PDB file of N, CA and C in Angstrom:
ATOM      1  N   MET A   1       0.844  -1.175   0.000  1.00  0.00           N
ATOM      2  CA  MET A   1       0.000   0.000   0.000  1.00  0.00           C
ATOM      3  C   MET A   1       0.894   1.244   0.000  1.00  0.00           C
ATOM      4  N   VAL A   2       0.466   2.263  -0.706  1.00  0.00           N
ATOM      5  CA  VAL A   2       1.239   3.486  -0.857  1.00  0.00           C
ATOM      6  C   VAL A   2       0.892   4.453   0.268  1.00  0.00           C
ATOM      7  N   ASN A   3       1.928   5.014   0.885  1.00  0.00           N
ATOM      8  CA  ASN A   3       1.737   5.996   1.933  1.00  0.00           C
ATOM      9  C   ASN A   3       1.622   7.380   1.286  1.00  0.00           C
ATOM     10  N   LEU A   4       0.467   8.016   1.394  1.00  0.00           N
ATOM     11  CA  LEU A   4       0.239   9.307   0.751  1.00  0.00           C
ATOM     12  C   LEU A   4       1.045  10.430   1.393  1.00  0.00           C
ATOM     13  N   ASN A   5       1.425  10.291   2.642  1.00  0.00           N
ATOM     14  CA  ASN A   5       2.226  11.330   3.296  1.00  0.00           C
ATOM     15  C   ASN A   5       3.607  11.448   2.671  1.00  0.00           C
ATOM     16  N   LYS A   6       4.160  10.324   2.183  1.00  0.00           N
ATOM     17  CA  LYS A   6       5.463  10.368   1.530  1.00  0.00           C
ATOM     18  C   LYS A   6       5.360  10.965   0.131  1.00  0.00           C
ATOM     19  N   LEU A   7       4.204  10.835  -0.514  1.00  0.00           N
ATOM     20  CA  LEU A   7       4.032  11.366  -1.865  1.00  0.00           C
ATOM     21  C   LEU A   7       3.746  12.858  -1.872  1.00  0.00           C
ATOM     22  N   CYS A   8       3.117  13.371  -0.845  1.00  0.00           N
ATOM     23  CA  CYS A   8       2.702  14.777  -0.807  1.00  0.00           C
ATOM     24  C   CYS A   8       3.753  15.650  -0.133  1.00  0.00           C
ATOM     25  N   THR A   9       4.961  15.611  -0.659  1.00  0.00           N
ATOM     26  CA  THR A   9       6.010  16.475  -0.129  1.00  0.00           C
ATOM     27  C   THR A   9       6.032  17.786  -0.915  1.00  0.00           C
ATOM     28  N   LYS A  10       6.795  18.730  -0.437  1.00  0.00           N
ATOM     29  CA  LYS A  10       6.889  20.035  -1.085  1.00  0.00           C
ATOM     30  C   LYS A  10       7.465  19.901  -2.496  1.00  0.00           C
ATOM     31  N   ASN A  11       8.507  19.101  -2.642  1.00  0.00           N
ATOM     32  CA  ASN A  11       9.126  18.923  -3.960  1.00  0.00           C
ATOM     33  C   ASN A  11       8.171  18.262  -4.946  1.00  0.00           C
ATOM     34  N   THR A  12       7.388  17.307  -4.484  1.00  0.00           N
ATOM     35  CA  THR A  12       6.423  16.649  -5.357  1.00  0.00           C
ATOM     36  C   THR A  12       5.362  17.625  -5.820  1.00  0.00           C
ATOM     37  N   LEU A  13       4.870  18.444  -4.925  1.00  0.00           N
ATOM     38  CA  LEU A  13       3.829  19.408  -5.291  1.00  0.00           C
ATOM     39  C   LEU A  13       4.364  20.498  -6.213  1.00  0.00           C
ATOM     40  N   ILE A  14       5.604  20.928  -6.003  1.00  0.00           N
ATOM     41  CA  ILE A  14       6.211  21.913  -6.897  1.00  0.00           C
ATOM     42  C   ILE A  14       6.397  21.312  -8.289  1.00  0.00           C
ATOM     43  N   GLY A  15       6.884  20.087  -8.342  1.00  0.00           N
ATOM     44  CA  GLY A  15       7.044  19.410  -9.631  1.00  0.00           C
ATOM     45  C   GLY A  15       5.724  19.220 -10.345  1.00  0.00           C
ATOM     46  N   LEU A  16       4.703  18.886  -9.599  1.00  0.00           N
ATOM     47  CA  LEU A  16       3.371  18.733 -10.178  1.00  0.00           C
ATOM     48  C   LEU A  16       2.852  20.063 -10.706  1.00  0.00           C
ATOM     49  N   GLY A  17       3.057  21.122  -9.959  1.00  0.00           N
ATOM     50  CA  GLY A  17       2.615  22.454 -10.393  1.00  0.00           C
ATOM     51  C   GLY A  17       3.353  22.918 -11.638  1.00  0.00           C
ATOM     52  N   LEU A  18       4.669  22.697 -11.686  1.00  0.00           N
ATOM     53  CA  LEU A  18       5.440  23.081 -12.867  1.00  0.00           C
ATOM     54  C   LEU A  18       5.054  22.236 -14.080  1.00  0.00           C
ATOM     55  N   GLY A  19       4.731  20.982 -13.853  1.00  0.00           N
ATOM     56  CA  GLY A  19       4.273  20.130 -14.941  1.00  0.00           C
ATOM     57  C   GLY A  19       2.934  20.607 -15.497  1.00  0.00           C
ATOM     58  N   GLN A  20       2.052  21.053 -14.625  1.00  0.00           N
ATOM     59  CA  GLN A  20       0.770  21.583 -15.073  1.00  0.00           C
ATOM     60  C   GLN A  20       0.952  22.895 -15.830  1.00  0.00           C
ATOM     61  N   PHE A  21       1.895  23.710 -15.386  1.00  0.00           N
ATOM     62  CA  PHE A  21       2.203  24.955 -16.089  1.00  0.00           C
ATOM     63  C   PHE A  21       2.728  24.660 -17.484  1.00  0.00           C
ATOM     64  N   LEU A  22       3.612  23.675 -17.596  1.00  0.00           N
ATOM     65  CA  LEU A  22       4.142  23.272 -18.890  1.00  0.00           C
ATOM     66  C   LEU A  22       3.029  22.742 -19.784  1.00  0.00           C
ATOM     67  N   SER A  23       2.133  21.972 -19.231  1.00  0.00           N
ATOM     68  CA  SER A  23       0.998  21.454 -19.991  1.00  0.00           C
ATOM     69  C   SER A  23       0.114  22.589 -20.496  1.00  0.00           C
ATOM     70  N   LEU A  24      -0.084  23.603 -19.682  1.00  0.00           N
ATOM     71  CA  LEU A  24      -0.873  24.764 -20.102  1.00  0.00           C
ATOM     72  C   LEU A  24      -0.198  25.490 -21.257  1.00  0.00           C
ATOM     73  N   LEU A  25       1.126  25.631 -21.197  1.00  0.00           N
ATOM     74  CA  LEU A  25       1.852  26.275 -22.293  1.00  0.00           C
ATOM     75  C   LEU A  25       1.735  25.478 -23.587  1.00  0.00           C
ATOM     76  N   ILE A  26       1.858  24.173 -23.505  1.00  0.00           N
ATOM     77  CA  ILE A  26       1.755  23.339 -24.696  1.00  0.00           C
ATOM     78  C   ILE A  26       0.351  23.408 -25.284  1.00  0.00           C
ATOM     79  N   THR A  27      -0.654  23.394 -24.423  1.00  0.00           N
ATOM     80  CA  THR A  27      -2.035  23.491 -24.889  1.00  0.00           C
ATOM     81  C   THR A  27      -2.298  24.841 -25.535  1.00  0.00           C
ATOM     82  N   SER A  28      -1.786  25.897 -24.948  1.00  0.00           N
ATOM     83  CA  SER A  28      -2.003  27.225 -25.531  1.00  0.00           C
ATOM     84  C   SER A  28      -1.296  27.368 -26.874  1.00  0.00           C
ATOM     85  N   THR A  29      -0.139  26.731 -27.025  1.00  0.00           N
ATOM     86  CA  THR A  29       0.548  26.760 -28.313  1.00  0.00           C
ATOM     87  C   THR A  29      -0.269  26.029 -29.376  1.00  0.00           C
ATOM     88  N   GLY A  30      -0.797  24.879 -29.032  1.00  0.00           N
ATOM     89  CA  GLY A  30      -1.620  24.136 -29.980  1.00  0.00           C
ATOM     90  C   GLY A  30      -2.866  24.886 -30.369  1.00  0.00           C
ATOM     91  N   PHE A  31      -3.508  25.495 -29.391  1.00  0.00           N
ATOM     92  CA  PHE A  31      -4.727  26.254 -29.668  1.00  0.00           C
ATOM     93  C   PHE A  31      -4.437  27.465 -30.545  1.00  0.00           C
ATOM     94  N   SER A  32      -3.393  28.215 -30.197  1.00  0.00           N
ATOM     95  CA  SER A  32      -3.079  29.406 -30.996  1.00  0.00           C
ATOM     96  C   SER A  32      -2.602  29.023 -32.392  1.00  0.00           C
ATOM     97  N   SER A  33      -1.873  27.910 -32.526  1.00  0.00           N
ATOM     98  CA  SER A  33      -1.437  27.461 -33.846  1.00  0.00           C
ATOM     99  C   SER A  33      -2.614  27.086 -34.722  1.00  0.00           C
ATOM    100  N   SER A  34      -3.583  26.396 -34.147  1.00  0.00           N
ATOM    101  CA  SER A  34      -4.751  26.003 -34.943  1.00  0.00           C
ATOM    102  C   SER A  34      -5.593  27.214 -35.327  1.00  0.00           C
ATOM    103  N   GLU A  35      -5.712  28.170 -34.433  1.00  0.00           N
ATOM    104  CA  GLU A  35      -6.487  29.379 -34.761  1.00  0.00           C
ATOM    105  C   GLU A  35      -5.792  30.202 -35.840  1.00  0.00           C
ATOM    106  N   LEU A  36      -4.469  30.328 -35.740  1.00  0.00           N
ATOM    107  CA  LEU A  36      -3.740  31.079 -36.758  1.00  0.00           C
ATOM    108  C   LEU A  36      -3.723  30.337 -38.098  1.00  0.00           C
ATOM    109  N   ALA A  37      -3.623  29.017 -38.071  1.00  0.00           N
ATOM    110  CA  ALA A  37      -3.658  28.235 -39.306  1.00  0.00           C
ATOM    111  C   ALA A  37      -5.025  28.340 -39.972  1.00  0.00           C
ATOM    112  N   ARG A  38      -6.055  28.445 -39.174  1.00  0.00           N
ATOM    113  CA  ARG A  38      -7.403  28.602 -39.727  1.00  0.00           C
ATOM    114  C   ARG A  38      -7.544  29.943 -40.438  1.00  0.00           C
ATOM    115  N   LYS A  39      -6.776  30.927 -39.983  1.00  0.00           N
ATOM    116  CA  LYS A  39      -6.806  32.248 -40.617  1.00  0.00           C
ATOM    117  C   LYS A  39      -5.784  32.377 -41.738  1.00  0.00           C
ATOM    118  N   GLY A  40      -5.015  31.313 -42.013  1.00  0.00           N
ATOM    119  CA  GLY A  40      -4.059  31.322 -43.112  1.00  0.00           C
ATOM    120  C   GLY A  40      -2.652  31.719 -42.729  1.00  0.00           C
ATOM    121  N   ILE A  41      -2.361  31.859 -41.443  1.00  0.00           N
ATOM    122  CA  ILE A  41      -1.021  32.225 -40.981  1.00  0.00           C
ATOM    123  C   ILE A  41      -0.306  30.962 -40.531  1.00  0.00           C
ATOM    124  N   ASN A  42       0.898  30.745 -41.056  1.00  0.00           N
ATOM    125  CA  ASN A  42       1.653  29.552 -40.704  1.00  0.00           C
ATOM    126  C   ASN A  42       3.036  29.970 -40.223  1.00  0.00           C
ATOM    127  N   ALA A  43       3.217  30.074 -38.917  1.00  0.00           N
ATOM    128  CA  ALA A  43       4.498  30.475 -38.325  1.00  0.00           C
ATOM    129  C   ALA A  43       4.731  29.711 -37.024  1.00  0.00           C
ATOM    130  N   PRO A  44       4.965  28.387 -37.109  1.00  0.00           N
ATOM    131  CA  PRO A  44       5.074  27.594 -35.874  1.00  0.00           C
ATOM    132  C   PRO A  44       6.286  27.937 -35.015  1.00  0.00           C
ATOM    133  N   THR A  45       7.385  28.346 -35.643  1.00  0.00           N
ATOM    134  CA  THR A  45       8.583  28.658 -34.861  1.00  0.00           C
ATOM    135  C   THR A  45       8.374  29.884 -33.988  1.00  0.00           C
ATOM    136  N   SER A  46       7.814  30.923 -34.565  1.00  0.00           N
ATOM    137  CA  SER A  46       7.598  32.137 -33.777  1.00  0.00           C
ATOM    138  C   SER A  46       6.510  31.947 -32.727  1.00  0.00           C
ATOM    139  N   GLN A  47       5.582  31.031 -32.971  1.00  0.00           N
ATOM    140  CA  GLN A  47       4.543  30.766 -31.975  1.00  0.00           C
ATOM    141  C   GLN A  47       5.113  30.030 -30.769  1.00  0.00           C
ATOM    142  N   SER A  48       6.054  29.136 -31.010  1.00  0.00           N
ATOM    143  CA  SER A  48       6.645  28.373 -29.912  1.00  0.00           C
ATOM    144  C   SER A  48       7.720  29.153 -29.170  1.00  0.00           C
ATOM    145  N   LEU A  49       8.203  30.225 -29.756  1.00  0.00           N
ATOM    146  CA  LEU A  49       9.274  30.998 -29.128  1.00  0.00           C
ATOM    147  C   LEU A  49       8.861  31.518 -27.750  1.00  0.00           C
ATOM    148  N   ALA A  50       7.636  31.979 -27.632  1.00  0.00           N
ATOM    149  CA  ALA A  50       7.168  32.500 -26.342  1.00  0.00           C
ATOM    150  C   ALA A  50       7.191  31.413 -25.265  1.00  0.00           C
ATOM    151  N   ASN A  51       6.808  30.188 -25.626  1.00  0.00           N
ATOM    152  CA  ASN A  51       6.839  29.091 -24.653  1.00  0.00           C
ATOM    153  C   ASN A  51       8.253  28.804 -24.185  1.00  0.00           C
ATOM    154  N   TYR A  52       9.194  28.774 -25.113  1.00  0.00           N
ATOM    155  CA  TYR A  52      10.574  28.481 -24.741  1.00  0.00           C
ATOM    156  C   TYR A  52      11.180  29.603 -23.907  1.00  0.00           C
ATOM    157  N   VAL A  53      10.817  30.821 -24.194  1.00  0.00           N
ATOM    158  CA  VAL A  53      11.302  31.943 -23.388  1.00  0.00           C
ATOM    159  C   VAL A  53      10.737  31.847 -21.968  1.00  0.00           C
ATOM    160  N   LEU A  54       9.442  31.557 -21.846  1.00  0.00           N
ATOM    161  CA  LEU A  54       8.844  31.409 -20.518  1.00  0.00           C
ATOM    162  C   LEU A  54       9.449  30.239 -19.752  1.00  0.00           C
ATOM    163  N   LEU A  55       9.695  29.123 -20.438  1.00  0.00           N
ATOM    164  CA  LEU A  55      10.333  27.984 -19.778  1.00  0.00           C
ATOM    165  C   LEU A  55      11.736  28.335 -19.308  1.00  0.00           C
ATOM    166  N   ALA A  56      12.480  29.059 -20.124  1.00  0.00           N
ATOM    167  CA  ALA A  56      13.833  29.463 -19.730  1.00  0.00           C
ATOM    168  C   ALA A  56      13.794  30.383 -18.519  1.00  0.00           C
ATOM    169  N   ILE A  57      12.811  31.271 -18.478  1.00  0.00           N
ATOM    170  CA  ILE A  57      12.697  32.181 -17.338  1.00  0.00           C
ATOM    171  C   ILE A  57      12.338  31.419 -16.071  1.00  0.00           C
ATOM    172  N   VAL A  58      11.346  30.531 -16.165  1.00  0.00           N
ATOM    173  CA  VAL A  58      10.893  29.802 -14.974  1.00  0.00           C
ATOM    174  C   VAL A  58      11.976  28.863 -14.459  1.00  0.00           C
ATOM    175  N   TYR A  59      12.461  27.972 -15.322  1.00  0.00           N
ATOM    176  CA  TYR A  59      13.432  26.990 -14.861  1.00  0.00           C
ATOM    177  C   TYR A  59      14.804  27.615 -14.623  1.00  0.00           C
ATOM    178  N   GLY A  60      15.142  28.655 -15.383  1.00  0.00           N
ATOM    179  CA  GLY A  60      16.391  29.360 -15.126  1.00  0.00           C
ATOM    180  C   GLY A  60      16.388  30.055 -13.784  1.00  0.00           C
ATOM    181  N   SER A  61      15.263  30.661 -13.436  1.00  0.00           N
ATOM    182  CA  SER A  61      15.185  31.323 -12.126  1.00  0.00           C
ATOM    183  C   SER A  61      15.228  30.314 -10.985  1.00  0.00           C
ATOM    184  N   ILE A  62      14.668  29.129 -11.212  1.00  0.00           N
ATOM    185  CA  ILE A  62      14.750  28.086 -10.185  1.00  0.00           C
ATOM    186  C   ILE A  62      16.203  27.651  -9.997  1.00  0.00           C
ATOM    187  N   LEU A  63      16.937  27.483 -11.098  1.00  0.00           N
ATOM    188  CA  LEU A  63      18.347  27.114 -10.990  1.00  0.00           C
ATOM    189  C   LEU A  63      19.161  28.196 -10.293  1.00  0.00           C
ATOM    190  N   ILE A  64      18.872  29.449 -10.627  1.00  0.00           N
ATOM    191  CA  ILE A  64      19.593  30.550  -9.985  1.00  0.00           C
ATOM    192  C   ILE A  64      19.261  30.615  -8.499  1.00  0.00           C
ATOM    193  N   TYR A  65      17.996  30.401  -8.155  1.00  0.00           N
ATOM    194  CA  TYR A  65      17.579  30.441  -6.750  1.00  0.00           C
ATOM    195  C   TYR A  65      18.259  29.330  -5.949  1.00  0.00           C
ATOM    196  N   ARG A  66      18.342  28.145  -6.551  1.00  0.00           N
ATOM    197  CA  ARG A  66      18.959  27.016  -5.854  1.00  0.00           C
ATOM    198  C   ARG A  66      20.488  27.085  -5.883  1.00  0.00           C
ATOM    199  N   GLN A  67      21.036  27.926  -6.751  1.00  0.00           N
ATOM    200  CA  GLN A  67      22.475  28.131  -6.904  1.00  0.00           C
ATOM    201  C   GLN A  67      23.207  26.833  -7.228  1.00  0.00           C
ATOM    202  N   LYS A  68      22.611  26.063  -8.151  1.00  0.00           N
ATOM    203  CA  LYS A  68      23.256  24.847  -8.631  1.00  0.00           C
ATOM    204  C   LYS A  68      23.779  25.094 -10.034  1.00  0.00           C
ATOM    205  N   LYS A  69      24.896  24.473 -10.340  1.00  0.00           N
ATOM    206  CA  LYS A  69      25.451  24.589 -11.673  1.00  0.00           C
ATOM    207  C   LYS A  69      24.747  23.606 -12.594  1.00  0.00           C
ATOM    208  N   LEU A  70      24.699  23.965 -13.876  1.00  0.00           N
ATOM    209  CA  LEU A  70      24.142  23.060 -14.870  1.00  0.00           C
ATOM    210  C   LEU A  70      25.082  21.877 -15.067  1.00  0.00           C
ATOM    211  N   LYS A  71      24.520  20.713 -15.309  1.00  0.00           N
ATOM    212  CA  LYS A  71      25.344  19.530 -15.510  1.00  0.00           C
ATOM    213  C   LYS A  71      25.960  19.516 -16.904  1.00  0.00           C
ATOM    214  N   VAL A  72      25.281  20.144 -17.869  1.00  0.00           N
ATOM    215  CA  VAL A  72      25.759  20.188 -19.248  1.00  0.00           C
ATOM    216  C   VAL A  72      25.847  21.653 -19.653  1.00  0.00           C
ATOM    217  N   ARG A  73      26.912  22.021 -20.327  1.00  0.00           N
ATOM    218  CA  ARG A  73      27.062  23.396 -20.797  1.00  0.00           C
ATOM    219  C   ARG A  73      26.011  23.710 -21.842  1.00  0.00           C
ATOM    220  N   PHE A  74      25.573  24.950 -21.882  1.00  0.00           N
ATOM    221  CA  PHE A  74      24.489  25.336 -22.778  1.00  0.00           C
ATOM    222  C   PHE A  74      24.899  25.238 -24.247  1.00  0.00           C
ATOM    223  N   TYR A  75      26.170  25.427 -24.561  1.00  0.00           N
ATOM    224  CA  TYR A  75      26.572  25.457 -25.960  1.00  0.00           C
ATOM    225  C   TYR A  75      26.624  24.058 -26.583  1.00  0.00           C
ATOM    226  N   TYR A  76      26.447  23.001 -25.808  1.00  0.00           N
ATOM    227  CA  TYR A  76      26.354  21.670 -26.390  1.00  0.00           C
ATOM    228  C   TYR A  76      25.061  21.503 -27.192  1.00  0.00           C
ATOM    229  N   PHE A  77      24.052  22.310 -26.898  1.00  0.00           N
ATOM    230  CA  PHE A  77      22.776  22.194 -27.562  1.00  0.00           C
ATOM    231  C   PHE A  77      22.683  23.079 -28.797  1.00  0.00           C
ATOM    232  N   CYS A  78      23.661  23.944 -29.024  1.00  0.00           N
ATOM    233  CA  CYS A  78      23.657  24.816 -30.200  1.00  0.00           C
ATOM    234  C   CYS A  78      24.106  24.007 -31.421  1.00  0.00           C
ATOM    235  N   PRO A  79      23.418  24.188 -32.550  1.00  0.00           N
ATOM    236  CA  PRO A  79      23.800  23.405 -33.760  1.00  0.00           C
ATOM    237  C   PRO A  79      25.076  23.900 -34.370  1.00  0.00           C
TER     238      PRO A  79
END
């Protein structure tokens, strides 16, 4: 049997909240993309840019607050 007191910790609830925020961003991107495509505008990269900027702000501020170094350098992801 699962003990609910061990599952309902602060870190679990924060992770759940951030996951829901991410889900909201993905849903809003899909909705706005479909509405713009219905009007004849096709710009998926610029539509997703706002989501990536918000994710960088949220998760970047969490990293700065915790004062932990990144495990991988950022330039490894640049093409």
